């Protein structure tokens, strides 16, 4: 025996038919199928995004030509502040 024997499945189907009626079950199954298809496609897209290489870090701007010593001001900076 497994988790759900054929008798268990029969009881579940009978309860579903009694609760929802025979006319509603195909619509419910169709909606469930569409939901599963959408879920699968979204999972594939997420996996595809994870496999894509990460973008390279942007290059940093170089300091203006002239003085390249950190912490010092160039002539252009001193003219602006004066």
C-alpha atoms as a PDB file:
ATOM      1  CA  UNK A   1       0.000   0.000   0.000  1.00  0.00           C
ATOM      2  CA  UNK A   2       1.095   3.500  -0.618  1.00  0.00           C
ATOM      3  CA  UNK A   3       0.175   6.841   0.788  1.00  0.00           C
ATOM      4  CA  UNK A   4      -3.002   7.031  -1.318  1.00  0.00           C
ATOM      5  CA  UNK A   5      -4.601   3.758  -2.344  1.00  0.00           C
ATOM      6  CA  UNK A   6      -7.215   3.634  -5.135  1.00  0.00           C
ATOM      7  CA  UNK A   7      -9.983   3.710  -2.505  1.00  0.00           C
ATOM      8  CA  UNK A   8      -8.617   6.936  -1.075  1.00  0.00           C
ATOM      9  CA  UNK A   9      -8.573   8.520  -4.540  1.00  0.00           C
ATOM     10  CA  UNK A  10     -12.157   7.395  -5.157  1.00  0.00           C
ATOM     11  CA  UNK A  11     -13.318   8.982  -1.919  1.00  0.00           C
ATOM     12  CA  UNK A  12     -11.502  12.232  -2.724  1.00  0.00           C
ATOM     13  CA  UNK A  13     -13.101  12.369  -6.194  1.00  0.00           C
ATOM     14  CA  UNK A  14     -16.582  11.688  -4.795  1.00  0.00           C
ATOM     15  CA  UNK A  15     -16.169  14.435  -2.190  1.00  0.00           C
ATOM     16  CA  UNK A  16     -14.982  16.904  -4.851  1.00  0.00           C
ATOM     17  CA  UNK A  17     -17.959  16.120  -7.096  1.00  0.00           C
ATOM     18  CA  UNK A  18     -20.363  16.535  -4.189  1.00  0.00           C
ATOM     19  CA  UNK A  19     -18.810  19.820  -3.062  1.00  0.00           C
ATOM     20  CA  UNK A  20     -18.304  21.552  -6.391  1.00  0.00           C
ATOM     21  CA  UNK A  21     -20.562  19.742  -8.839  1.00  0.00           C
ATOM     22  CA  UNK A  22     -19.629  18.081 -12.108  1.00  0.00           C
ATOM     23  CA  UNK A  23     -19.899  21.327 -14.114  1.00  0.00           C
ATOM     24  CA  UNK A  24     -17.370  23.291 -12.057  1.00  0.00           C
ATOM     25  CA  UNK A  25     -14.629  20.627 -11.895  1.00  0.00           C
ATOM     26  CA  UNK A  26     -13.395  20.970 -15.532  1.00  0.00           C
ATOM     27  CA  UNK A  27     -13.161  24.751 -15.138  1.00  0.00           C
ATOM     28  CA  UNK A  28     -11.252  24.345 -11.890  1.00  0.00           C
ATOM     29  CA  UNK A  29      -8.882  21.819 -13.474  1.00  0.00           C
ATOM     30  CA  UNK A  30      -8.313  24.135 -16.450  1.00  0.00           C
ATOM     31  CA  UNK A  31      -7.532  27.060 -14.130  1.00  0.00           C
ATOM     32  CA  UNK A  32      -5.174  24.906 -12.086  1.00  0.00           C
ATOM     33  CA  UNK A  33      -3.384  23.776 -15.262  1.00  0.00           C
ATOM     34  CA  UNK A  34      -2.933  27.365 -16.440  1.00  0.00           C
ATOM     35  CA  UNK A  35      -1.623  28.386 -13.037  1.00  0.00           C
ATOM     36  CA  UNK A  36       0.908  25.553 -13.058  1.00  0.00           C
ATOM     37  CA  UNK A  37       2.047  26.489 -16.592  1.00  0.00           C
ATOM     38  CA  UNK A  38       2.589  30.099 -15.520  1.00  0.00           C
ATOM     39  CA  UNK A  39       4.437  28.974 -12.387  1.00  0.00           C
ATOM     40  CA  UNK A  40       6.729  26.683 -14.417  1.00  0.00           C
ATOM     41  CA  UNK A  41       7.544  29.422 -16.921  1.00  0.00           C
ATOM     42  CA  UNK A  42       8.370  31.863 -14.122  1.00  0.00           C
ATOM     43  CA  UNK A  43      10.635  29.311 -12.438  1.00  0.00           C
ATOM     44  CA  UNK A  44      12.455  28.742 -15.758  1.00  0.00           C
ATOM     45  CA  UNK A  45      12.917  32.493 -16.194  1.00  0.00           C
ATOM     46  CA  UNK A  46      14.339  32.795 -12.678  1.00  0.00           C
ATOM     47  CA  UNK A  47      16.751  29.937 -13.351  1.00  0.00           C
ATOM     48  CA  UNK A  48      17.761  31.535 -16.641  1.00  0.00           C
ATOM     49  CA  UNK A  49      18.424  34.832 -14.828  1.00  0.00           C
ATOM     50  CA  UNK A  50      20.586  33.046 -12.246  1.00  0.00           C
ATOM     51  CA  UNK A  51      22.671  31.385 -14.974  1.00  0.00           C
ATOM     52  CA  UNK A  52      23.344  34.671 -16.794  1.00  0.00           C
ATOM     53  CA  UNK A  53      26.777  36.139 -16.033  1.00  0.00           C
ATOM     54  CA  UNK A  54      26.751  39.022 -13.607  1.00  0.00           C
ATOM     55  CA  UNK A  55      27.502  42.411 -15.171  1.00  0.00           C
ATOM     56  CA  UNK A  56      31.041  43.653 -14.691  1.00  0.00           C
ATOM     57  CA  UNK A  57      31.639  46.392 -12.151  1.00  0.00           C
ATOM     58  CA  UNK A  58      31.678  49.843 -13.720  1.00  0.00           C
ATOM     59  CA  UNK A  59      35.108  51.341 -14.194  1.00  0.00           C
ATOM     60  CA  UNK A  60      36.010  54.113 -11.818  1.00  0.00           C
ATOM     61  CA  UNK A  61      36.753  57.530 -13.152  1.00  0.00           C
ATOM     62  CA  UNK A  62      40.402  58.504 -13.256  1.00  0.00           C
ATOM     63  CA  UNK A  63      41.479  61.659 -11.422  1.00  0.00           C
ATOM     64  CA  UNK A  64      42.012  64.738 -13.602  1.00  0.00           C
ATOM     65  CA  UNK A  65      45.355  64.914 -15.327  1.00  0.00           C
ATOM     66  CA  UNK A  66      48.036  66.681 -13.383  1.00  0.00           C
ATOM     67  CA  UNK A  67      48.172  65.971  -9.695  1.00  0.00           C
ATOM     68  CA  UNK A  68      47.321  62.321  -8.946  1.00  0.00           C
ATOM     69  CA  UNK A  69      48.313  62.336  -5.286  1.00  0.00           C
ATOM     70  CA  UNK A  70      45.328  61.563  -3.066  1.00  0.00           C
ATOM     71  CA  UNK A  71      44.343  64.262  -0.606  1.00  0.00           C
ATOM     72  CA  UNK A  72      45.863  67.171  -2.507  1.00  0.00           C
ATOM     73  CA  UNK A  73      44.022  69.767  -4.521  1.00  0.00           C
ATOM     74  CA  UNK A  74      44.846  70.687  -8.057  1.00  0.00           C
ATOM     75  CA  UNK A  75      45.231  74.203  -9.393  1.00  0.00           C
ATOM     76  CA  UNK A  76      41.699  74.071 -10.808  1.00  0.00           C
ATOM     77  CA  UNK A  77      40.294  73.332  -7.344  1.00  0.00           C
ATOM     78  CA  UNK A  78      42.167  76.207  -5.710  1.00  0.00           C
ATOM     79  CA  UNK A  79      41.020  78.657  -8.394  1.00  0.00           C
ATOM     80  CA  UNK A  80      37.376  77.680  -7.826  1.00  0.00           C
ATOM     81  CA  UNK A  81      37.606  78.234  -4.065  1.00  0.00           C
ATOM     82  CA  UNK A  82      39.369  81.583  -4.329  1.00  0.00           C
END
